[in-house]
Amino acid sequence: MVKGMLRGAYMLLLPLLLLSHGAEGVITATTASAAPAASDKAQATLQLCNKPRQCRNILRYPVQIDSGFSCPPFAAKCTFYSVKQQSSATSRTPAAKQVDELAVRQYPKIVNSQVAMPLYQFTSEHSTLEAAKRLLQAGSTAFKFDLKNWMANGKPIPYLNRKGWLPLVTHPDLPYQKLFDMPFRSFIFWAGRCAGPGRTIKQTDLDGIDVYKEMYKLAVYLLKRYNGSGKTFMIGHWEGDWCIRDALNKELKPNPQKVKDLVELLSDKQRAIDDAKRDNKCVKDVHVWHYTEANLVEQSIKEGSGWVSVINTVVKQVKPAIDYVSVSVGGDSLREVNPTVAFHKTLDYAHRQLPYKRGVPEPRVFAGEYYFDLRNRDDAVAIYAPTPQLQKQRGCWAAASGVAWGAPYMMWWAFYDNERTSSGNFRGYWLVDNGNRETPLFKAYQQYYKDANEFVRSVIAATGKPPGDYAFRVWATERLIQLSGRTNLWKPYVRYWGN
């Protein structure tokens, strides 16, 4: 009885497929059952809803839209919100709206990947550019990378360490200008890394530079060059909880001086980005944001608010308030096949620690890294995803859970593997392995991109507008779960953040 009630409740939520931006509207559709006579052709007026529970009277049945598109290729039938049925042979079917294919291609797909310090590649061009091209071709709309002074041959340009970030972006022997010009919707990148033993945090970003001045230059450059492009640039750093320790050991207490240095460093960067936007209000449709990354959020929850960490301590002290927080999650945070309970707890906790900041879209937490390796460092088979098929299952479910929560980005670590085990084997942090073979997870994500484009294209054809963020997340959550191959688990509730 209880199972039946839960299933019924879910079925009321499932049809939220054709939600749209803006005011409510209607489109006309014919039923997909046996064709009736022309004079009594059954038609349905479908209300397009832009938030949960806006449409109360739900009628579910197979329909085929007569406005220039059909059911997505993976669906046996289409299901939509319907508020009433009509019988009229004279009702007009709206003409299909013109579809801008670039708008379809660049609609944020949320689930994406990244490359950093890869151990292999397959062309002679820069590994960052090589990976970006492959992900763009697959259908990804965001790309994450490490902004550093390494050329395609793996050799650094040492003098750039003292020149700031903008010279890195514009240097002709580095790939970043070409990369930013690619038609990704968003770029997430590290501008600064953690300190090695005997070095302070401030020495890691670029030796001897004026952090505020150089970050301001970079932000202004991005705002002006990409004015009107629709692009978003997220500038941050690698796992911050290691930055405040003297070794990669969560049991080790943070170094108080490193905590202070990280707060000052992030404050300088945030102030520079805020000032750059204040001083360039004339630019439109381009966004530059700043983020910090917390990688011990679950430990912070367990130990309590007094435990010193990026999310408990640093985030609250950065002035002005930081724009976003990235969480790095894997293993314990995603321990269940359906990780929704633990993962949403992590995201909720991180979001609660963020001081309010006007003008920054909510929610302000994303997964800068989520991952399942195939082998541990000691060569033992990984607990949670010991096979490529289980990696696909877990990777799709983790992505679905993050999408349902509302994370603006879910960034799989990584496109090419960057770690080896103690005996030299690859650990399996990849979408393409060292033999240039696409993993089952990458194939699933490519299918997701293809189907997402079809969904967005269909909504634009019917309504003239792309789906709203909530609408897309309802669709994407369901599709990612389907692609996991494990659909017999309860499904995460898709949160509504007001857009």
Protein backbone atom coordinates (compact mmCIF):
# COMPACT_ATOMS: atom_id res chain seq x y z
CA MET A 1 0.00 0.00 0.00
CA VAL A 2 2.76 2.43 1.01
CA LYS A 3 4.78 1.49 -2.08
CA GLY A 4 1.75 2.16 -4.25
CA MET A 5 1.23 5.58 -2.68
CA LEU A 6 4.88 6.51 -3.17
CA ARG A 7 4.80 5.32 -6.76
CA GLY A 8 1.66 7.33 -7.36
CA ALA A 9 3.24 10.45 -5.88
CA TYR A 10 6.25 10.02 -8.11
CA MET A 11 4.09 9.57 -11.19
CA LEU A 12 2.55 12.95 -10.47
CA LEU A 13 6.01 14.51 -10.59
CA LEU A 14 7.34 12.60 -13.59
CA PRO A 15 5.38 14.37 -16.35
CA LEU A 16 7.17 17.70 -15.73
CA LEU A 17 8.83 17.54 -19.13
CA LEU A 18 7.72 20.55 -21.11
CA LEU A 19 8.19 23.26 -18.51
CA SER A 20 9.15 26.62 -19.96
CA HIS A 21 10.45 30.09 -19.15
CA GLY A 22 8.01 32.94 -18.76
CA ALA A 23 4.24 32.98 -18.73
CA GLU A 24 2.10 29.87 -18.94
CA GLY A 25 0.94 28.86 -22.40
CA VAL A 26 -0.84 26.10 -24.27
CA ILE A 27 -0.06 23.96 -27.25
CA THR A 28 -2.30 21.54 -29.09
CA ALA A 29 -1.53 17.84 -29.37
CA THR A 30 -3.26 14.79 -30.77
CA THR A 31 -3.38 11.48 -28.94
CA ALA A 32 -1.06 8.74 -30.14
CA SER A 33 -3.70 6.00 -29.76
CA ALA A 34 -5.66 4.54 -32.65
CA ALA A 35 -6.44 7.28 -35.15
CA PRO A 36 -10.02 8.57 -34.75
CA ALA A 37 -12.16 9.87 -37.56
CA ALA A 38 -11.20 13.34 -38.76
CA SER A 39 -14.47 14.83 -37.49
CA ASP A 40 -13.94 13.76 -33.91
CA LYS A 41 -10.16 13.95 -33.68
CA ALA A 42 -9.29 14.04 -29.97
CA GLN A 43 -7.11 16.95 -28.96
CA ALA A 44 -5.58 18.05 -25.70
CA THR A 45 -4.66 21.51 -24.47
CA LEU A 46 -1.34 21.15 -22.68
CA GLN A 47 -0.43 23.76 -20.10
CA LEU A 48 3.27 24.58 -19.84
CA CYS A 49 4.24 25.02 -16.21
CA ASN A 50 7.29 26.82 -14.89
CA LYS A 51 7.30 25.64 -11.27
CA PRO A 52 6.21 22.60 -9.23
CA ARG A 53 2.53 22.04 -8.51
CA GLN A 54 1.48 24.95 -10.72
CA CYS A 55 -0.69 22.59 -12.75
CA ARG A 56 -3.04 20.61 -10.55
CA ASN A 57 -5.23 18.57 -12.93
CA ILE A 58 -2.88 16.09 -14.46
CA LEU A 59 -3.92 13.77 -17.26
CA ARG A 60 -1.26 11.38 -18.52
CA TYR A 61 -1.54 9.62 -21.84
CA PRO A 62 0.58 9.09 -24.96
CA VAL A 63 0.62 12.17 -27.15
CA GLN A 64 2.33 13.15 -30.37
CA ILE A 65 2.90 16.89 -30.67
CA ASP A 66 1.73 18.37 -33.97
CA SER A 67 3.98 21.42 -33.84
CA GLY A 68 7.10 20.25 -35.58
CA PHE A 69 8.71 17.76 -33.21
CA SER A 70 8.18 14.29 -31.82
CA CYS A 71 8.99 12.34 -28.69
CA PRO A 72 12.68 12.18 -27.76
CA PRO A 73 14.32 9.16 -29.37
CA PHE A 74 14.68 7.23 -26.10
CA ALA A 75 11.02 7.53 -25.09
CA ALA A 76 8.35 4.99 -25.95
CA LYS A 77 5.83 7.79 -25.56
CA CYS A 78 5.70 11.41 -24.46
CA THR A 79 4.00 12.40 -21.23
CA PHE A 80 3.11 15.98 -20.39
CA TYR A 81 1.05 18.05 -18.03
CA SER A 82 -2.49 18.37 -19.35
CA VAL A 83 -5.28 20.46 -17.86
CA LYS A 84 -8.20 19.61 -20.12
CA GLN A 85 -9.22 17.78 -23.25
CA GLN A 86 -11.07 19.19 -26.23
CA SER A 87 -12.83 17.62 -29.18
CA SER A 88 -12.74 19.87 -32.16
CA ALA A 89 -11.99 19.25 -35.80
CA THR A 90 -11.41 22.96 -36.35
CA SER A 91 -8.84 23.63 -33.62
CA ARG A 92 -5.67 25.05 -35.08
CA THR A 93 -2.30 23.46 -34.43
CA PRO A 94 0.40 26.09 -33.81
CA ALA A 95 3.14 26.21 -36.37
CA ALA A 96 6.56 25.08 -35.21
CA LYS A 97 8.76 27.92 -34.00
CA GLN A 98 12.11 28.56 -35.63
CA VAL A 99 14.92 26.81 -33.77
CA ASP A 100 18.32 28.43 -33.25
CA GLU A 101 20.70 25.46 -33.33
CA LEU A 102 23.43 27.39 -31.52
CA ALA A 103 20.99 28.04 -28.66
CA VAL A 104 20.26 24.32 -28.57
CA ARG A 105 23.93 23.39 -28.61
CA GLN A 106 24.88 25.88 -25.90
CA TYR A 107 21.96 25.24 -23.56
CA PRO A 108 23.70 24.33 -20.24
CA LYS A 109 23.81 20.53 -19.95
CA ILE A 110 25.13 20.73 -16.33
CA VAL A 111 27.07 17.44 -16.53
CA ASN A 112 30.57 17.96 -17.93
CA SER A 113 34.23 17.02 -17.42
CA GLN A 114 37.77 18.39 -17.11
CA VAL A 115 41.45 17.73 -17.68
CA ALA A 116 44.38 18.47 -15.38
CA MET A 117 47.86 16.97 -15.40
CA PRO A 118 46.90 14.06 -17.70
CA LEU A 119 49.32 11.14 -17.94
CA TYR A 120 48.68 10.52 -21.66
CA GLN A 121 47.25 12.07 -24.80
CA PHE A 122 46.90 11.13 -28.48
CA THR A 123 47.87 14.16 -30.57
CA SER A 124 50.77 16.61 -30.65
CA GLU A 125 48.67 19.61 -29.58
CA HIS A 126 48.31 20.80 -26.01
CA SER A 127 46.55 18.16 -23.88
CA THR A 128 44.09 20.77 -22.55
CA LEU A 129 43.05 21.74 -26.06
CA GLU A 130 42.91 18.12 -27.20
CA ALA A 131 40.54 17.15 -24.38
CA ALA A 132 38.43 20.28 -24.85
CA LYS A 133 37.89 19.54 -28.55
CA ARG A 134 36.79 15.98 -27.82
CA LEU A 135 34.37 17.07 -25.11
CA LEU A 136 32.96 19.83 -27.29
CA GLN A 137 32.40 17.35 -30.10
CA ALA A 138 30.66 15.02 -27.63
CA GLY A 139 28.20 17.78 -26.70
CA SER A 140 29.59 19.17 -23.45
CA THR A 141 28.83 22.82 -22.68
CA ALA A 142 31.35 23.48 -19.88
CA PHE A 143 35.03 22.66 -19.53
CA LYS A 144 37.37 22.76 -16.54
CA PHE A 145 41.17 22.99 -16.63
CA ASP A 146 44.29 24.24 -14.88
CA LEU A 147 45.63 27.62 -16.04
CA LYS A 148 49.39 27.14 -15.91
CA ASN A 149 52.55 27.86 -17.89
CA TRP A 150 53.13 24.44 -19.48
CA MET A 151 53.45 24.24 -23.24
CA ALA A 152 52.25 21.38 -25.45
CA ASN A 153 55.61 19.62 -25.07
CA GLY A 154 55.21 19.56 -21.30
CA LYS A 155 57.91 22.16 -20.68
CA PRO A 156 57.12 25.28 -18.61
CA ILE A 157 57.76 28.90 -19.52
CA PRO A 158 59.40 29.89 -16.21
CA TYR A 159 59.35 33.68 -16.53
CA LEU A 160 55.55 33.66 -16.76
CA ASN A 161 55.40 32.71 -13.08
CA ARG A 162 56.20 36.34 -12.32
CA LYS A 163 53.89 37.95 -14.87
CA GLY A 164 50.36 37.25 -13.65
CA TRP A 165 47.43 35.32 -15.11
CA LEU A 166 46.59 37.43 -18.15
CA PRO A 167 49.99 36.79 -19.78
CA LEU A 168 49.27 33.07 -19.42
CA VAL A 169 45.96 33.46 -21.23
CA THR A 170 47.36 35.51 -24.10
CA HIS A 171 50.75 33.84 -24.61
CA PRO A 172 50.97 32.43 -28.19
CA ASP A 173 52.63 29.19 -27.04
CA LEU A 174 49.83 28.39 -24.60
CA PRO A 175 46.33 27.20 -25.57
CA TYR A 176 44.09 29.35 -23.40
CA GLN A 177 43.07 32.13 -25.78
CA LYS A 178 42.11 29.56 -28.39
CA LEU A 179 40.32 27.56 -25.71
CA PHE A 180 38.24 30.50 -24.45
CA ASP A 181 37.22 31.28 -28.03
CA MET A 182 35.69 27.81 -28.40
CA PRO A 183 31.87 27.67 -28.21
CA PHE A 184 31.62 26.32 -24.67
CA ARG A 185 29.05 28.06 -22.51
CA SER A 186 31.19 27.95 -19.35
CA PHE A 187 34.84 27.66 -18.38
CA ILE A 188 35.92 26.64 -14.89
CA PHE A 189 39.60 26.94 -14.18
CA TRP A 190 42.24 27.03 -11.48
CA ALA A 191 44.23 30.21 -11.07
CA GLY A 192 46.66 29.11 -8.37
CA ARG A 193 47.57 25.84 -6.68
CA CYS A 194 48.37 24.54 -3.20
CA ALA A 195 51.69 25.19 -1.52
CA GLY A 196 54.31 22.52 -1.36
CA PRO A 197 56.31 21.85 1.83
CA GLY A 198 58.16 24.94 3.03
CA ARG A 199 56.16 27.35 0.85
CA THR A 200 53.34 29.69 1.79
CA ILE A 201 50.02 29.77 -0.01
CA LYS A 202 50.81 33.20 -1.44
CA GLN A 203 53.85 31.77 -3.21
CA THR A 204 51.75 29.23 -5.09
CA ASP A 205 49.66 31.55 -7.18
CA LEU A 206 52.49 33.23 -9.05
CA ASP A 207 55.66 34.29 -7.33
CA GLY A 208 55.87 37.91 -6.27
CA ILE A 209 52.80 39.20 -8.12
CA ASP A 210 50.21 41.65 -6.87
CA VAL A 211 47.28 39.23 -6.60
CA TYR A 212 44.57 41.91 -6.63
CA LYS A 213 46.06 43.79 -9.58
CA GLU A 214 46.66 40.70 -11.72
CA MET A 215 43.24 39.16 -11.03
CA TYR A 216 41.60 42.50 -11.83
CA LYS A 217 43.39 42.57 -15.20
CA LEU A 218 42.25 39.04 -16.03
CA ALA A 219 38.63 39.72 -15.05
CA VAL A 220 38.46 42.93 -17.10
CA TYR A 221 39.97 41.18 -20.10
CA LEU A 222 37.40 38.38 -19.96
CA LEU A 223 34.50 40.80 -19.49
CA LYS A 224 35.51 42.98 -22.45
CA ARG A 225 36.65 40.32 -24.91
CA TYR A 226 33.59 38.15 -24.38
CA ASN A 227 31.04 40.93 -24.00
CA GLY A 228 27.72 39.67 -25.40
CA SER A 229 28.94 36.09 -25.82
CA GLY A 230 26.81 34.43 -23.13
CA LYS A 231 29.93 32.87 -21.66
CA THR A 232 30.58 32.28 -17.95
CA PHE A 233 34.05 32.12 -16.39
CA MET A 234 34.45 30.49 -12.97
CA ILE A 235 37.88 31.24 -11.49
CA GLY A 236 38.99 29.15 -8.53
CA HIS A 237 41.54 26.68 -7.22
CA TRP A 238 42.13 23.01 -6.41
CA GLU A 239 41.02 21.28 -3.21
CA GLY A 240 41.37 23.92 -0.52
CA ASP A 241 41.38 21.65 2.50
CA TRP A 242 44.78 20.36 1.37
CA CYS A 243 45.95 23.95 0.87
CA ILE A 244 45.59 24.68 4.59
CA ARG A 245 47.49 21.55 5.67
CA ASP A 246 51.16 20.67 5.50
CA ALA A 247 50.38 17.24 3.99
CA LEU A 248 47.52 15.47 2.21
CA ASN A 249 46.13 13.98 5.40
CA LYS A 250 42.71 14.90 6.74
CA GLU A 251 43.69 13.79 10.25
CA LEU A 252 46.42 16.44 10.27
CA LYS A 253 45.34 19.74 11.84
CA PRO A 254 45.35 22.75 9.51
CA ASN A 255 48.29 25.14 9.72
CA PRO A 256 46.87 28.38 11.24
CA GLN A 257 49.13 30.56 9.10
CA LYS A 258 47.95 28.79 5.94
CA VAL A 259 44.33 29.30 6.97
CA LYS A 260 45.00 33.03 7.39
CA ASP A 261 46.90 33.20 4.09
CA LEU A 262 44.10 31.44 2.18
CA VAL A 263 41.49 33.83 3.57
CA GLU A 264 43.61 36.82 2.50
CA LEU A 265 44.33 35.35 -0.91
CA LEU A 266 40.68 34.56 -1.66
CA SER A 267 39.62 37.99 -0.37
CA ASP A 268 42.06 39.72 -2.74
CA LYS A 269 40.83 37.70 -5.70
CA GLN A 270 37.16 38.22 -4.86
CA ARG A 271 37.60 41.96 -4.39
CA ALA A 272 39.41 42.19 -7.73
CA ILE A 273 36.62 40.38 -9.59
CA ASP A 274 33.88 42.39 -7.88
CA ASP A 275 35.69 45.65 -8.68
CA ALA A 276 36.24 44.64 -12.31
CA LYS A 277 32.51 44.09 -12.74
CA ARG A 278 31.68 47.34 -10.94
CA ASP A 279 34.03 49.26 -13.24
CA ASN A 280 32.68 47.65 -16.43
CA LYS A 281 28.92 47.81 -16.06
CA CYS A 282 28.53 48.43 -19.76
CA VAL A 283 29.27 44.80 -20.64
CA LYS A 284 26.31 42.48 -21.17
CA ASP A 285 25.71 38.75 -21.20
CA VAL A 286 29.11 37.70 -19.89
CA HIS A 287 29.80 36.51 -16.35
CA VAL A 288 32.96 36.21 -14.27
CA TRP A 289 32.69 34.55 -10.86
CA HIS A 290 35.10 33.42 -8.15
CA TYR A 291 34.96 30.16 -6.21
CA THR A 292 36.82 28.23 -3.55
CA GLU A 293 36.88 24.45 -3.39
CA ALA A 294 36.20 22.40 -0.26
CA ASN A 295 37.10 18.73 -0.34
CA LEU A 296 36.42 17.71 3.28
CA VAL A 297 32.79 18.77 3.61
CA GLU A 298 31.57 15.40 4.88
CA GLN A 299 34.33 15.39 7.51
CA SER A 300 33.34 18.95 8.44
CA ILE A 301 29.75 17.80 9.02
CA LYS A 302 30.90 14.86 11.11
CA GLU A 303 33.32 16.85 13.28
CA GLY A 304 31.04 19.86 13.75
CA SER A 305 31.25 23.58 13.08
CA GLY A 306 34.31 24.04 15.32
CA TRP A 307 36.47 21.79 13.13
CA VAL A 308 38.74 24.01 11.04
CA SER A 309 38.19 23.53 7.31
CA VAL A 310 37.51 25.51 4.17
CA ILE A 311 33.75 25.19 4.47
CA ASN A 312 33.59 25.71 8.27
CA THR A 313 36.18 28.44 8.58
CA VAL A 314 37.61 29.99 5.44
CA VAL A 315 34.38 30.60 3.52
CA LYS A 316 32.88 32.62 6.37
CA GLN A 317 35.94 34.88 6.67
CA VAL A 318 36.47 35.86 3.02
CA LYS A 319 35.57 39.53 2.49
CA PRO A 320 33.79 40.43 0.27
CA ALA A 321 31.72 37.25 0.36
CA ILE A 322 32.87 34.64 -2.10
CA ASP A 323 30.61 33.97 -5.08
CA TYR A 324 30.56 30.16 -5.17
CA VAL A 325 31.82 27.03 -3.45
CA SER A 326 32.90 23.93 -5.31
CA VAL A 327 32.79 20.60 -3.50
CA SER A 328 35.02 17.68 -4.41
CA VAL A 329 33.15 14.43 -3.74
CA GLY A 330 33.73 10.73 -4.28
CA GLY A 331 33.93 7.53 -2.29
CA ASP A 332 32.11 7.96 1.02
CA SER A 333 30.02 10.95 -0.07
CA LEU A 334 28.70 8.89 -2.98
CA ARG A 335 28.81 5.51 -1.26
CA GLU A 336 25.30 4.37 -2.24
CA VAL A 337 24.26 3.56 -5.81
CA ASN A 338 21.65 6.26 -5.29
CA PRO A 339 23.77 8.80 -3.38
CA THR A 340 21.04 11.40 -2.98
CA VAL A 341 20.75 11.41 0.82
CA ALA A 342 24.48 11.79 1.57
CA PHE A 343 25.25 13.97 -1.45
CA HIS A 344 22.38 16.39 -0.85
CA LYS A 345 23.40 16.60 2.80
CA THR A 346 26.89 17.63 1.67
CA LEU A 347 25.56 20.22 -0.79
CA ASP A 348 23.04 21.59 1.73
CA TYR A 349 25.69 21.97 4.41
CA ALA A 350 28.06 23.77 2.06
CA HIS A 351 25.31 26.10 0.90
CA ARG A 352 24.31 27.02 4.46
CA GLN A 353 27.85 28.17 5.25
CA LEU A 354 27.92 30.69 2.42
CA PRO A 355 27.26 34.29 3.50
CA TYR A 356 24.49 35.93 1.48
CA LYS A 357 25.64 37.78 -1.61
CA ARG A 358 23.34 39.91 -3.71
CA GLY A 359 23.37 39.40 -7.45
CA VAL A 360 24.82 35.89 -7.51
CA PRO A 361 22.42 33.25 -8.88
CA GLU A 362 21.36 30.55 -6.44
CA PRO A 363 22.28 27.87 -5.63
CA ARG A 364 25.94 28.80 -5.16
CA VAL A 365 27.41 25.33 -4.71
CA PHE A 366 28.51 22.94 -7.46
CA ALA A 367 30.56 19.76 -7.76
CA GLY A 368 33.90 20.82 -9.22
CA GLU A 369 34.96 17.19 -8.94
CA TYR A 370 32.97 13.97 -8.59
CA TYR A 371 34.63 10.67 -9.30
CA PHE A 372 34.82 6.90 -8.97
CA ASP A 373 38.22 5.34 -9.53
CA LEU A 374 38.60 1.69 -10.55
CA ARG A 375 41.67 1.02 -8.37
CA ASN A 376 42.94 2.37 -5.07
CA ARG A 377 46.45 3.72 -4.64
CA ASP A 378 47.60 0.36 -3.26
CA ASP A 379 46.31 -1.44 -6.38
CA ALA A 380 43.30 -2.93 -4.64
CA VAL A 381 40.08 -2.97 -6.63
CA ALA A 382 37.98 0.06 -5.72
CA ILE A 383 35.04 -0.56 -3.41
CA TYR A 384 32.33 1.47 -5.10
CA ALA A 385 33.05 1.11 -8.83
CA PRO A 386 35.38 -1.86 -9.47
CA THR A 387 34.30 -2.30 -13.12
CA PRO A 388 33.67 0.08 -16.03
CA GLN A 389 29.97 -0.83 -16.04
CA LEU A 390 29.62 -0.02 -12.34
CA GLN A 391 31.55 3.19 -12.94
CA LYS A 392 28.93 4.11 -15.53
CA GLN A 393 26.09 3.23 -13.17
CA ARG A 394 27.54 5.22 -10.30
CA GLY A 395 28.61 8.12 -12.51
CA CYS A 396 25.13 8.53 -13.96
CA TRP A 397 23.41 8.29 -10.59
CA ALA A 398 25.81 10.81 -9.00
CA ALA A 399 25.21 13.21 -11.88
CA ALA A 400 21.43 12.76 -11.60
CA SER A 401 21.54 13.45 -7.87
CA GLY A 402 23.54 16.65 -8.33
CA VAL A 403 21.30 17.82 -11.17
CA ALA A 404 18.21 17.20 -9.03
CA TRP A 405 19.65 19.24 -6.14
CA GLY A 406 20.26 22.20 -8.45
CA ALA A 407 24.06 22.25 -8.81
CA PRO A 408 24.95 24.57 -11.71
CA TYR A 409 27.83 22.25 -12.67
CA MET A 410 28.63 18.57 -12.19
CA MET A 411 32.23 18.11 -13.33
CA TRP A 412 33.41 14.50 -13.70
CA TRP A 413 37.05 13.89 -12.72
CA ALA A 414 38.51 13.44 -15.25
CA PHE A 415 38.61 13.13 -19.03
CA TYR A 416 42.12 11.58 -19.06
CA ASP A 417 43.53 9.84 -15.97
CA ASN A 418 46.09 11.75 -13.90
CA GLU A 419 47.01 9.19 -11.24
CA ARG A 420 48.76 5.82 -11.00
CA THR A 421 48.71 3.15 -8.34
CA SER A 422 51.79 2.24 -6.32
CA SER A 423 52.73 -0.38 -8.96
CA GLY A 424 52.24 2.00 -11.89
CA ASN A 425 48.75 1.02 -13.07
CA PHE A 426 46.25 3.71 -14.00
CA ARG A 427 43.65 4.32 -11.33
CA GLY A 428 40.78 4.76 -13.76
CA TYR A 429 39.84 8.41 -13.29
CA TRP A 430 38.83 8.73 -16.92
CA LEU A 431 36.26 9.00 -19.68
CA VAL A 432 38.85 7.95 -22.28
CA ASP A 433 41.46 5.42 -21.15
CA ASN A 434 45.15 5.22 -21.98
CA GLY A 435 44.38 3.06 -25.03
CA ASN A 436 42.13 5.80 -26.46
CA ARG A 437 39.03 3.73 -25.68
CA GLU A 438 35.84 5.51 -24.64
CA THR A 439 34.50 4.22 -21.33
CA PRO A 440 30.86 3.10 -20.87
CA LEU A 441 30.33 6.23 -18.78
CA PHE A 442 31.54 8.52 -21.55
CA LYS A 443 29.25 6.77 -24.03
CA ALA A 444 26.35 7.30 -21.63
CA TYR A 445 27.18 10.98 -21.24
CA GLN A 446 27.41 11.40 -25.02
CA GLN A 447 23.93 9.89 -25.36
CA TYR A 448 22.74 12.25 -22.64
CA TYR A 449 24.08 15.26 -24.58
CA LYS A 450 22.41 14.08 -27.78
CA ASP A 451 19.07 13.53 -26.07
CA ALA A 452 19.34 16.82 -24.17
CA ASN A 453 19.78 18.68 -27.45
CA GLU A 454 16.69 16.94 -28.82
CA PHE A 455 14.67 17.86 -25.74
CA VAL A 456 15.72 21.52 -25.86
CA ARG A 457 15.12 21.66 -29.62
CA SER A 458 11.64 20.20 -29.14
CA VAL A 459 10.65 22.72 -26.48
CA ILE A 460 11.88 25.64 -28.58
CA ALA A 461 9.98 24.32 -31.60
CA ALA A 462 6.79 24.15 -29.57
CA THR A 463 7.06 27.32 -27.51
CA GLY A 464 9.66 29.58 -29.10
CA LYS A 465 11.66 29.49 -25.86
CA PRO A 466 14.14 27.08 -24.31
CA PRO A 467 13.03 25.11 -21.25
CA GLY A 468 13.51 26.76 -17.88
CA ASP A 469 16.20 25.48 -15.56
CA TYR A 470 13.77 23.50 -13.41
CA ALA A 471 12.13 21.98 -16.46
CA PHE A 472 15.43 20.80 -17.85
CA ARG A 473 16.52 19.34 -14.52
CA VAL A 474 13.37 17.24 -14.25
CA TRP A 475 14.05 15.82 -17.69
CA ALA A 476 17.82 15.43 -17.11
CA THR A 477 17.44 13.67 -13.77
CA GLU A 478 15.15 11.06 -15.29
CA ARG A 479 17.30 10.57 -18.38
CA LEU A 480 20.56 10.12 -16.46
CA ILE A 481 18.92 7.50 -14.26
CA GLN A 482 17.71 5.68 -17.38
CA LEU A 483 21.22 5.75 -18.82
CA SER A 484 22.67 4.30 -15.60
CA GLY A 485 20.97 1.00 -16.34
CA ARG A 486 19.75 0.84 -12.72
CA THR A 487 16.24 2.27 -12.62
CA ASN A 488 14.66 0.27 -9.78
CA LEU A 489 15.64 2.70 -7.03
CA TRP A 490 13.72 5.64 -5.62
CA LYS A 491 14.38 8.78 -7.59
CA PRO A 492 15.59 12.11 -6.16
CA TYR A 493 13.14 14.96 -5.81
CA VAL A 494 14.05 17.82 -8.15
CA ARG A 495 14.41 21.02 -6.15
CA TYR A 496 12.95 24.27 -7.34
CA TRP A 497 15.19 27.32 -6.86
CA GLY A 498 12.83 29.85 -8.35
CA ASN A 499 13.90 29.72 -12.01
